[in-house]
Amino acid sequence: MFIGTVNVKLSSSLKWEDRDIIEIALDFSKVKGATIIQCERETFQHGNFSGVIRSQSSEYCARMAALISGVPFRFLEKLPADDYDAVWQTVGAYVGKRNPQEFYDQFTAEDEDDDEEERADDKGGFTEPAETPEEK
């Protein structure tokens, strides 16, 4: 079982109350039985039954992220989609008994690879001219 902290960097600094948040520190050593019970209660209480498969429920995992990071759930709900995905899916890896640090490292490496491919393929929105068939 992974016991440690995974720091999820946000795409940009976000202000919440009196502080600027640039990363979410997911401290998995804080996960206890009470944490799991609270996440289940809050997820099901709001009528979301996708929490039955906890590792695949964005709400369940985001609620756990809030509890172990000290960042309010309301803040996580306001994150841009890519940042929210990075947070809840990293927790989902932990809930699914995988190493969340390895998952996050791979998750962010894939994003960097995609960005490099997009820059290499960027031709300003233009495509290459079609090849004309050879006449016989």
C-alpha atoms as a PDB file:
ATOM      1  CA  MET A   1       0.000   0.000   0.000  1.00  0.00           C
ATOM      2  CA  PHE A   2       1.330   3.422  -0.971  1.00  0.00           C
ATOM      3  CA  ILE A   3       1.976   5.759   1.946  1.00  0.00           C
ATOM      4  CA  GLY A   4       3.273   9.126   0.882  1.00  0.00           C
ATOM      5  CA  THR A   5       2.348  12.372  -0.805  1.00  0.00           C
ATOM      6  CA  VAL A   6       1.754  13.003  -4.500  1.00  0.00           C
ATOM      7  CA  ASN A   7       1.909  16.664  -5.512  1.00  0.00           C
ATOM      8  CA  VAL A   8      -0.436  17.356  -8.413  1.00  0.00           C
ATOM      9  CA  LYS A   9       0.634  20.554 -10.155  1.00  0.00           C
ATOM     10  CA  LEU A  10      -2.185  22.742 -11.454  1.00  0.00           C
ATOM     11  CA  SER A  11      -2.064  24.231 -14.938  1.00  0.00           C
ATOM     12  CA  SER A  12      -2.164  27.708 -13.392  1.00  0.00           C
ATOM     13  CA  SER A  13      -2.280  29.255  -9.953  1.00  0.00           C
ATOM     14  CA  LEU A  14      -5.813  29.579  -8.565  1.00  0.00           C
ATOM     15  CA  LYS A  15      -6.925  31.843  -5.750  1.00  0.00           C
ATOM     16  CA  TRP A  16      -9.063  30.366  -2.981  1.00  0.00           C
ATOM     17  CA  GLU A  17     -10.048  32.628  -0.123  1.00  0.00           C
ATOM     18  CA  ASP A  18      -6.743  34.112   1.069  1.00  0.00           C
ATOM     19  CA  ARG A  19      -4.242  31.823  -0.666  1.00  0.00           C
ATOM     20  CA  ASP A  20      -2.923  31.026  -4.109  1.00  0.00           C
ATOM     21  CA  ILE A  21      -2.947  27.312  -4.842  1.00  0.00           C
ATOM     22  CA  ILE A  22      -0.467  25.993  -7.395  1.00  0.00           C
ATOM     23  CA  GLU A  23      -0.616  22.301  -6.496  1.00  0.00           C
ATOM     24  CA  ILE A  24      -2.716  19.799  -4.585  1.00  0.00           C
ATOM     25  CA  ALA A  25      -0.683  17.741  -2.090  1.00  0.00           C
ATOM     26  CA  LEU A  26      -2.426  14.366  -1.825  1.00  0.00           C
ATOM     27  CA  ASP A  27      -1.173  12.872   1.464  1.00  0.00           C
ATOM     28  CA  PHE A  28      -2.233   9.243   1.268  1.00  0.00           C
ATOM     29  CA  SER A  29      -0.952   8.534   4.789  1.00  0.00           C
ATOM     30  CA  LYS A  30      -4.092  10.379   5.973  1.00  0.00           C
ATOM     31  CA  VAL A  31      -6.452   7.771   4.480  1.00  0.00           C
ATOM     32  CA  LYS A  32      -8.145   5.892   7.311  1.00  0.00           C
ATOM     33  CA  GLY A  33     -11.315   3.840   7.558  1.00  0.00           C
ATOM     34  CA  ALA A  34     -13.209   6.952   8.626  1.00  0.00           C
ATOM     35  CA  THR A  35     -12.038   8.722   5.443  1.00  0.00           C
ATOM     36  CA  ILE A  36     -13.478   5.970   3.259  1.00  0.00           C
ATOM     37  CA  ILE A  37     -16.764   5.936   5.176  1.00  0.00           C
ATOM     38  CA  GLN A  38     -17.115   9.711   4.956  1.00  0.00           C
ATOM     39  CA  CYS A  39     -16.458   9.688   1.192  1.00  0.00           C
ATOM     40  CA  GLU A  40     -19.044   6.948   0.672  1.00  0.00           C
ATOM     41  CA  ARG A  41     -21.651   8.718   2.807  1.00  0.00           C
ATOM     42  CA  GLU A  42     -21.196  12.070   1.087  1.00  0.00           C
ATOM     43  CA  THR A  43     -21.176  10.568  -2.409  1.00  0.00           C
ATOM     44  CA  PHE A  44     -24.283   8.403  -1.875  1.00  0.00           C
ATOM     45  CA  GLN A  45     -26.067  11.111   0.131  1.00  0.00           C
ATOM     46  CA  HIS A  46     -26.047  13.279  -2.980  1.00  0.00           C
ATOM     47  CA  GLY A  47     -27.593  10.457  -5.023  1.00  0.00           C
ATOM     48  CA  ASN A  48     -24.462   9.538  -6.962  1.00  0.00           C
ATOM     49  CA  PHE A  49     -24.358   5.755  -7.166  1.00  0.00           C
ATOM     50  CA  SER A  50     -21.314   5.679  -9.430  1.00  0.00           C
ATOM     51  CA  GLY A  51     -19.409   5.474  -6.141  1.00  0.00           C
ATOM     52  CA  VAL A  52     -20.184   1.768  -6.068  1.00  0.00           C
ATOM     53  CA  ILE A  53     -16.996   1.369  -8.101  1.00  0.00           C
ATOM     54  CA  ARG A  54     -15.016   3.770  -5.974  1.00  0.00           C
ATOM     55  CA  SER A  55     -11.854   3.931  -8.092  1.00  0.00           C
ATOM     56  CA  GLN A  56     -13.901   5.031 -11.130  1.00  0.00           C
ATOM     57  CA  SER A  57     -16.084   7.612  -9.390  1.00  0.00           C
ATOM     58  CA  SER A  58     -14.788  11.136  -9.908  1.00  0.00           C
ATOM     59  CA  GLU A  59     -16.937  12.436  -7.047  1.00  0.00           C
ATOM     60  CA  TYR A  60     -15.830   9.777  -4.553  1.00  0.00           C
ATOM     61  CA  CYS A  61     -12.161  10.277  -5.442  1.00  0.00           C
ATOM     62  CA  ALA A  62     -12.443  14.081  -5.391  1.00  0.00           C
ATOM     63  CA  ARG A  63     -14.040  13.915  -1.939  1.00  0.00           C
ATOM     64  CA  MET A  64     -11.126  11.779  -0.752  1.00  0.00           C
ATOM     65  CA  ALA A  65      -8.678  14.223  -2.370  1.00  0.00           C
ATOM     66  CA  ALA A  66     -10.293  17.067  -0.434  1.00  0.00           C
ATOM     67  CA  LEU A  67     -10.004  15.204   2.871  1.00  0.00           C
ATOM     68  CA  ILE A  68      -6.349  14.211   2.444  1.00  0.00           C
ATOM     69  CA  SER A  69      -5.137  17.487   0.925  1.00  0.00           C
ATOM     70  CA  GLY A  70      -6.903  20.021   3.118  1.00  0.00           C
ATOM     71  CA  VAL A  71      -8.325  21.717   0.016  1.00  0.00           C
ATOM     72  CA  PRO A  72     -12.123  22.076   0.116  1.00  0.00           C
ATOM     73  CA  PHE A  73     -14.211  19.876  -2.176  1.00  0.00           C
ATOM     74  CA  ARG A  74     -15.856  23.071  -3.505  1.00  0.00           C
ATOM     75  CA  PHE A  75     -12.432  24.232  -4.715  1.00  0.00           C
ATOM     76  CA  LEU A  76     -11.808  20.944  -6.528  1.00  0.00           C
ATOM     77  CA  GLU A  77     -15.181  21.255  -8.271  1.00  0.00           C
ATOM     78  CA  LYS A  78     -14.044  24.609  -9.708  1.00  0.00           C
ATOM     79  CA  LEU A  79     -10.795  23.282 -11.192  1.00  0.00           C
ATOM     80  CA  PRO A  80     -10.382  23.211 -14.973  1.00  0.00           C
ATOM     81  CA  ALA A  81     -11.255  19.773 -16.363  1.00  0.00           C
ATOM     82  CA  ASP A  82      -7.650  18.676 -16.984  1.00  0.00           C
ATOM     83  CA  ASP A  83      -6.581  19.579 -13.441  1.00  0.00           C
ATOM     84  CA  TYR A  84      -9.671  17.922 -11.943  1.00  0.00           C
ATOM     85  CA  ASP A  85      -8.942  14.762 -13.952  1.00  0.00           C
ATOM     86  CA  ALA A  86      -5.331  14.679 -12.733  1.00  0.00           C
ATOM     87  CA  VAL A  87      -6.456  14.959  -9.097  1.00  0.00           C
ATOM     88  CA  TRP A  88      -9.328  12.488  -9.047  1.00  0.00           C
ATOM     89  CA  GLN A  89      -7.649   9.922 -11.296  1.00  0.00           C
ATOM     90  CA  THR A  90      -4.506   9.944  -9.141  1.00  0.00           C
ATOM     91  CA  VAL A  91      -6.684   9.210  -6.106  1.00  0.00           C
ATOM     92  CA  GLY A  92      -8.536   6.624  -8.216  1.00  0.00           C
ATOM     93  CA  ALA A  93      -5.245   4.835  -8.842  1.00  0.00           C
ATOM     94  CA  TYR A  94      -4.668   4.651  -5.079  1.00  0.00           C
ATOM     95  CA  VAL A  95      -8.217   3.423  -4.431  1.00  0.00           C
ATOM     96  CA  GLY A  96      -7.704   0.804  -7.165  1.00  0.00           C
ATOM     97  CA  LYS A  97      -4.583  -0.463  -5.323  1.00  0.00           C
ATOM     98  CA  ARG A  98      -2.101   1.002  -7.806  1.00  0.00           C
ATOM     99  CA  ASN A  99       0.819   3.287  -7.015  1.00  0.00           C
ATOM    100  CA  PRO A 100      -0.579   6.826  -7.345  1.00  0.00           C
ATOM    101  CA  GLN A 101       2.863   8.415  -7.841  1.00  0.00           C
ATOM    102  CA  GLU A 102       3.644   6.110 -10.762  1.00  0.00           C
ATOM    103  CA  PHE A 103       0.182   6.798 -12.190  1.00  0.00           C
ATOM    104  CA  TYR A 104       0.607  10.578 -11.887  1.00  0.00           C
ATOM    105  CA  ASP A 105       4.088  10.477 -13.430  1.00  0.00           C
ATOM    106  CA  GLN A 106       2.742   8.511 -16.386  1.00  0.00           C
ATOM    107  CA  PHE A 107      -0.387  10.714 -16.628  1.00  0.00           C
ATOM    108  CA  THR A 108       1.687  13.897 -16.854  1.00  0.00           C
ATOM    109  CA  ALA A 109       4.247  12.345 -19.227  1.00  0.00           C
ATOM    110  CA  GLU A 110       1.432  11.472 -21.656  1.00  0.00           C
ATOM    111  CA  ASP A 111       0.201  15.086 -21.551  1.00  0.00           C
ATOM    112  CA  GLU A 112       3.705  16.338 -22.382  1.00  0.00           C
ATOM    113  CA  ASP A 113       3.993  13.827 -25.255  1.00  0.00           C
ATOM    114  CA  ASP A 114       0.608  14.954 -26.639  1.00  0.00           C
ATOM    115  CA  ASP A 115       1.676  18.623 -26.478  1.00  0.00           C
ATOM    116  CA  GLU A 116       4.912  17.876 -28.344  1.00  0.00           C
ATOM    117  CA  GLU A 117       3.030  15.940 -31.044  1.00  0.00           C
ATOM    118  CA  GLU A 118       0.527  18.769 -31.464  1.00  0.00           C
ATOM    119  CA  ARG A 119       3.337  21.313 -31.875  1.00  0.00           C
ATOM    120  CA  ALA A 120       5.128  19.100 -34.395  1.00  0.00           C
ATOM    121  CA  ASP A 121       1.931  18.496 -36.382  1.00  0.00           C
ATOM    122  CA  ASP A 122       0.772  22.125 -36.254  1.00  0.00           C
ATOM    123  CA  LYS A 123       0.620  23.552 -39.747  1.00  0.00           C
ATOM    124  CA  GLY A 124      -1.521  26.527 -38.903  1.00  0.00           C
ATOM    125  CA  GLY A 125      -4.767  24.678 -39.627  1.00  0.00           C
ATOM    126  CA  PHE A 126      -3.803  23.840 -43.214  1.00  0.00           C
ATOM    127  CA  THR A 127      -3.531  20.396 -44.702  1.00  0.00           C
ATOM    128  CA  GLU A 128      -1.192  19.148 -47.375  1.00  0.00           C
ATOM    129  CA  PRO A 129      -2.547  19.212 -50.944  1.00  0.00           C
ATOM    130  CA  ALA A 130      -3.977  15.937 -52.094  1.00  0.00           C
ATOM    131  CA  GLU A 131      -1.795  13.872 -54.336  1.00  0.00           C
ATOM    132  CA  THR A 132      -3.061  13.669 -57.883  1.00  0.00           C
ATOM    133  CA  PRO A 133      -3.272  10.188 -59.297  1.00  0.00           C
ATOM    134  CA  GLU A 134      -0.847   9.403 -62.047  1.00  0.00           C
ATOM    135  CA  GLU A 135      -2.397   9.212 -65.483  1.00  0.00           C
ATOM    136  CA  LYS A 136      -1.953   6.002 -67.395  1.00  0.00           C
END
